[in-house]
Amino acid sequence: MLIKKYLVFVLFFILTVTSCFGYDNEAIVSEMDIQSYIDNIGFELLNSNKINKRIVFTYSKKDKLYKGRPEITKRNIVIYGDQIQYTESEDEMAALLAMKISDALKSYEDSGFMGAIEVKLAPKKYEKFSDKRAVDYMVNAGYNPLGLITLVQKSCPQKRNDWFSAHNLTSKRLAEVYEYIFVKYPYFLENNDYIDNPYYQNFLLSSLENRKILERKLKYKTVYKVKYE
């Protein structure tokens, strides 16, 4: 109780002092709330998945494309203002953080220079790996992995092709994630809480051909890797 009173006093003191210097108290409180929201979900993902590496989370109201000096390493995950605007639920925030946690762990897992070279040589492969590991992280922490699909669906534009890109086409990426959920976590599709979500409905429309490819793969028990469009 004493600690709680102390924290309330500190918050009141900060707001009083910043008010004297003309700062926007509501903006400060809002940023504190966002940081707390990110921390709660981020550490739930870390703890539920028994990730024993130090990773911290930082909220920045700047856009990700900000050209200033980098403030952090990958082990300090930053959520930027133009990223958080796409997260309309805890599932979607968990999806964003889970992908970033997977990327951050690479800096622990990769063996120095050669590990970094491997990632550079096969970025699309590692993107698929991170997406699938993010799904696992979400499920283990009690979040719905379909939030990853809706997040990517509304935040990642579709390019004409991925021939010279370090990223997979968004349609291919979503197809891989959907297949992974379909095979490993069918419960979330059988009891679909996202069926009325407009972004998920749009995914169903735009992924019709790829889902037909998946149906044929499962029907004929194809063992080789199918090619999504």
Protein backbone atom coordinates (compact mmCIF):
# COMPACT_ATOMS: atom_id res chain seq x y z
CA MET A 1 0.00 0.00 0.00
CA LEU A 2 2.87 2.36 0.87
CA ILE A 3 4.51 1.67 -2.50
CA LYS A 4 1.24 2.37 -4.30
CA LYS A 5 0.85 5.71 -2.52
CA TYR A 6 4.44 6.56 -3.42
CA LEU A 7 3.85 5.83 -7.11
CA VAL A 8 0.70 7.98 -7.09
CA PHE A 9 2.69 10.80 -5.48
CA VAL A 10 5.46 10.49 -8.08
CA LEU A 11 2.95 10.61 -10.94
CA PHE A 12 1.26 13.66 -9.41
CA PHE A 13 4.65 15.34 -8.97
CA ILE A 14 5.62 14.67 -12.61
CA LEU A 15 2.35 16.08 -13.90
CA THR A 16 2.64 19.16 -11.68
CA VAL A 17 6.22 19.92 -12.72
CA THR A 18 5.62 19.37 -16.43
CA SER A 19 2.54 21.57 -16.24
CA CYS A 20 4.70 24.41 -14.93
CA PHE A 21 6.97 24.10 -17.94
CA GLY A 22 4.11 24.03 -20.42
CA TYR A 23 4.12 20.35 -21.33
CA ASP A 24 0.95 18.53 -22.32
CA ASN A 25 -0.04 16.48 -19.28
CA GLU A 26 -2.63 14.44 -21.18
CA ALA A 27 -0.07 13.50 -23.82
CA ILE A 28 2.38 12.38 -21.13
CA VAL A 29 -0.22 10.26 -19.36
CA SER A 30 -1.30 8.80 -22.71
CA GLU A 31 2.29 7.80 -23.53
CA MET A 32 2.66 6.24 -20.09
CA ASP A 33 -0.55 4.28 -20.63
CA ILE A 34 0.63 3.05 -24.02
CA GLN A 35 4.01 2.03 -22.59
CA SER A 36 2.27 0.13 -19.77
CA TYR A 37 -0.04 -1.56 -22.30
CA ILE A 38 2.92 -2.67 -24.43
CA ASP A 39 4.86 -3.88 -21.39
CA ASN A 40 1.96 -5.94 -20.06
CA ILE A 41 1.50 -7.81 -23.32
CA GLY A 42 5.20 -8.03 -24.08
CA PHE A 43 6.19 -9.53 -20.75
CA GLU A 44 3.21 -11.88 -20.84
CA LEU A 45 4.60 -13.24 -24.12
CA LEU A 46 8.11 -13.55 -22.67
CA ASN A 47 6.98 -15.24 -19.46
CA SER A 48 4.41 -17.59 -21.00
CA ASN A 49 6.99 -18.81 -23.51
CA LYS A 50 9.71 -19.09 -20.84
CA ILE A 51 12.04 -16.84 -22.82
CA ASN A 52 15.06 -16.45 -20.56
CA LYS A 53 16.79 -13.66 -22.49
CA ARG A 54 16.63 -10.00 -21.47
CA ILE A 55 14.36 -8.08 -23.84
CA VAL A 56 12.72 -4.74 -23.05
CA PHE A 57 10.08 -2.70 -24.86
CA THR A 58 10.06 1.00 -25.72
CA TYR A 59 7.22 3.08 -27.13
CA SER A 60 8.20 5.90 -29.48
CA LYS A 61 5.62 8.30 -30.85
CA LYS A 62 7.93 8.91 -33.82
CA ASP A 63 7.29 7.09 -37.06
CA LYS A 64 9.44 4.09 -37.92
CA LEU A 65 10.75 5.94 -40.98
CA TYR A 66 12.23 8.65 -38.75
CA LYS A 67 15.77 9.28 -40.02
CA GLY A 68 17.36 10.31 -36.75
CA ARG A 69 20.05 8.45 -34.85
CA PRO A 70 19.07 4.87 -33.90
CA GLU A 71 18.22 4.81 -30.21
CA ILE A 72 18.26 1.11 -29.48
CA THR A 73 19.40 -2.38 -30.36
CA LYS A 74 17.18 -5.27 -31.40
CA ARG A 75 17.14 -6.47 -27.80
CA ASN A 76 15.28 -3.30 -26.91
CA ILE A 77 12.13 -3.63 -28.99
CA VAL A 78 10.66 -0.36 -30.20
CA ILE A 79 7.01 0.10 -31.10
CA TYR A 80 6.65 3.23 -33.22
CA GLY A 81 3.65 5.50 -33.58
CA ASP A 82 2.94 4.47 -37.16
CA GLN A 83 2.98 0.79 -36.13
CA ILE A 84 0.72 1.01 -33.09
CA GLN A 85 -2.04 2.66 -35.12
CA TYR A 86 -2.75 -0.70 -36.76
CA THR A 87 -3.19 -2.61 -33.49
CA GLU A 88 -6.87 -2.43 -32.59
CA SER A 89 -6.89 -5.34 -30.15
CA GLU A 90 -4.66 -7.13 -27.68
CA ASP A 91 -4.31 -9.98 -30.19
CA GLU A 92 -2.92 -7.62 -32.81
CA MET A 93 -0.54 -5.96 -30.36
CA ALA A 94 0.57 -9.42 -29.25
CA ALA A 95 1.15 -10.31 -32.91
CA LEU A 96 3.32 -7.24 -33.47
CA LEU A 97 5.34 -7.88 -30.30
CA ALA A 98 5.64 -11.63 -30.91
CA MET A 99 7.20 -11.04 -34.34
CA LYS A 100 9.62 -8.52 -32.87
CA ILE A 101 10.50 -10.85 -29.98
CA SER A 102 11.30 -13.58 -32.50
CA ASP A 103 13.59 -11.18 -34.37
CA ALA A 104 15.21 -10.01 -31.13
CA LEU A 105 15.99 -13.57 -30.12
CA LYS A 106 18.01 -14.00 -33.31
CA SER A 107 20.60 -11.62 -31.89
CA TYR A 108 21.01 -14.09 -29.01
CA GLU A 109 20.74 -17.25 -31.10
CA ASP A 110 22.83 -16.37 -34.14
CA SER A 111 26.50 -17.17 -33.76
CA GLY A 112 28.18 -13.85 -34.34
CA PHE A 113 29.14 -12.72 -37.83
CA MET A 114 28.22 -15.96 -39.63
CA GLY A 115 24.77 -15.98 -38.07
CA ALA A 116 24.15 -12.45 -39.34
CA ILE A 117 25.34 -13.48 -42.81
CA GLU A 118 22.89 -16.41 -42.85
CA VAL A 119 20.00 -14.06 -42.11
CA LYS A 120 21.14 -11.65 -44.83
CA LEU A 121 21.39 -14.45 -47.38
CA ALA A 122 17.94 -15.89 -46.65
CA PRO A 123 15.73 -13.06 -45.33
CA LYS A 124 12.50 -14.54 -46.73
CA LYS A 125 13.18 -17.85 -45.02
CA TYR A 126 13.73 -16.12 -41.70
CA GLU A 127 10.61 -13.99 -42.17
CA LYS A 128 8.52 -17.16 -42.52
CA PHE A 129 10.23 -18.64 -39.48
CA SER A 130 9.54 -15.52 -37.40
CA ASP A 131 5.87 -15.45 -38.42
CA LYS A 132 5.36 -19.07 -37.42
CA ARG A 133 7.24 -18.67 -34.16
CA ALA A 134 5.12 -15.59 -33.44
CA VAL A 135 1.99 -17.74 -33.84
CA ASP A 136 3.36 -20.20 -31.28
CA TYR A 137 4.23 -17.39 -28.88
CA MET A 138 0.73 -15.94 -29.16
CA VAL A 139 -1.05 -19.24 -28.57
CA ASN A 140 1.17 -20.08 -25.57
CA ALA A 141 0.36 -16.70 -24.04
CA GLY A 142 -3.40 -17.08 -24.56
CA TYR A 143 -3.82 -14.81 -27.59
CA ASN A 144 -5.69 -15.60 -30.80
CA PRO A 145 -3.17 -16.08 -33.65
CA LEU A 146 -5.70 -14.85 -36.20
CA GLY A 147 -4.76 -11.40 -34.89
CA LEU A 148 -1.49 -11.84 -36.79
CA ILE A 149 -3.44 -12.31 -40.02
CA THR A 150 -5.58 -9.21 -39.51
CA LEU A 151 -2.55 -7.12 -38.51
CA VAL A 152 -0.55 -8.08 -41.62
CA GLN A 153 -3.63 -7.83 -43.84
CA LYS A 154 -4.19 -4.15 -43.04
CA SER A 155 -0.62 -2.96 -42.50
CA CYS A 156 1.49 -4.62 -45.23
CA PRO A 157 0.82 -3.53 -48.85
CA GLN A 158 0.95 -6.03 -51.68
CA LYS A 159 3.89 -5.48 -54.05
CA ARG A 160 3.87 -6.51 -57.71
CA ASN A 161 6.44 -9.23 -57.06
CA ASP A 162 9.08 -10.27 -54.55
CA TRP A 163 11.90 -11.12 -56.96
CA PHE A 164 14.32 -8.50 -55.65
CA SER A 165 12.79 -7.94 -52.23
CA ALA A 166 14.00 -9.07 -48.82
CA HIS A 167 10.36 -9.77 -47.94
CA ASN A 168 7.85 -12.30 -49.18
CA LEU A 169 4.78 -11.09 -51.03
CA THR A 170 2.15 -10.32 -48.41
CA SER A 171 -0.27 -12.80 -50.02
CA LYS A 172 2.33 -15.60 -49.79
CA ARG A 173 3.20 -14.62 -46.24
CA LEU A 174 -0.43 -14.73 -45.15
CA ALA A 175 -0.95 -18.06 -46.89
CA GLU A 176 1.95 -19.57 -44.95
CA VAL A 177 0.62 -18.23 -41.64
CA TYR A 178 -2.91 -19.46 -42.41
CA GLU A 179 -1.62 -22.93 -43.29
CA TYR A 180 0.41 -23.07 -40.08
CA ILE A 181 -2.64 -22.17 -37.98
CA PHE A 182 -4.87 -24.52 -39.99
CA VAL A 183 -2.60 -27.50 -39.40
CA LYS A 184 -1.25 -26.84 -35.91
CA TYR A 185 -4.01 -24.82 -34.24
CA PRO A 186 -7.28 -25.70 -36.06
CA TYR A 187 -9.31 -24.80 -32.95
CA PHE A 188 -9.01 -21.10 -33.76
CA LEU A 189 -10.54 -21.63 -37.20
CA GLU A 190 -13.21 -24.03 -36.03
CA ASN A 191 -14.25 -21.57 -33.28
CA ASN A 192 -13.51 -18.44 -35.28
CA ASP A 193 -13.83 -15.26 -33.20
CA TYR A 194 -12.66 -13.23 -36.20
CA ILE A 195 -15.24 -14.39 -38.71
CA ASP A 196 -17.06 -11.02 -38.57
CA ASN A 197 -13.89 -8.95 -38.47
CA PRO A 198 -13.79 -6.81 -41.65
CA TYR A 199 -10.03 -7.29 -42.08
CA TYR A 200 -10.36 -11.05 -41.73
CA GLN A 201 -13.27 -11.08 -44.17
CA ASN A 202 -11.09 -9.16 -46.63
CA PHE A 203 -8.33 -11.71 -46.11
CA LEU A 204 -10.79 -14.52 -46.96
CA LEU A 205 -11.72 -12.71 -50.18
CA SER A 206 -8.19 -11.94 -51.27
CA SER A 207 -6.77 -15.35 -50.29
CA LEU A 208 -9.36 -17.51 -52.04
CA GLU A 209 -6.95 -18.97 -54.61
CA ASN A 210 -4.23 -19.69 -52.07
CA ARG A 211 -6.73 -21.38 -49.77
CA LYS A 212 -7.82 -23.57 -52.68
CA ILE A 213 -4.16 -24.54 -53.14
CA LEU A 214 -4.03 -25.48 -49.46
CA GLU A 215 -7.24 -27.53 -49.77
CA ARG A 216 -5.76 -29.52 -52.66
CA LYS A 217 -2.52 -30.02 -50.72
CA LEU A 218 -4.39 -31.46 -47.75
CA LYS A 219 -6.84 -33.47 -49.86
CA TYR A 220 -4.10 -35.25 -51.80
CA LYS A 221 -1.69 -35.29 -48.84
CA THR A 222 0.98 -33.53 -50.84
CA VAL A 223 4.34 -33.89 -49.14
CA TYR A 224 6.25 -31.33 -51.18
CA LYS A 225 6.03 -27.62 -50.54
CA VAL A 226 3.27 -25.91 -52.52
CA LYS A 227 3.78 -22.60 -54.28
CA TYR A 228 1.46 -19.86 -53.10
CA GLU A 229 0.67 -16.85 -55.26
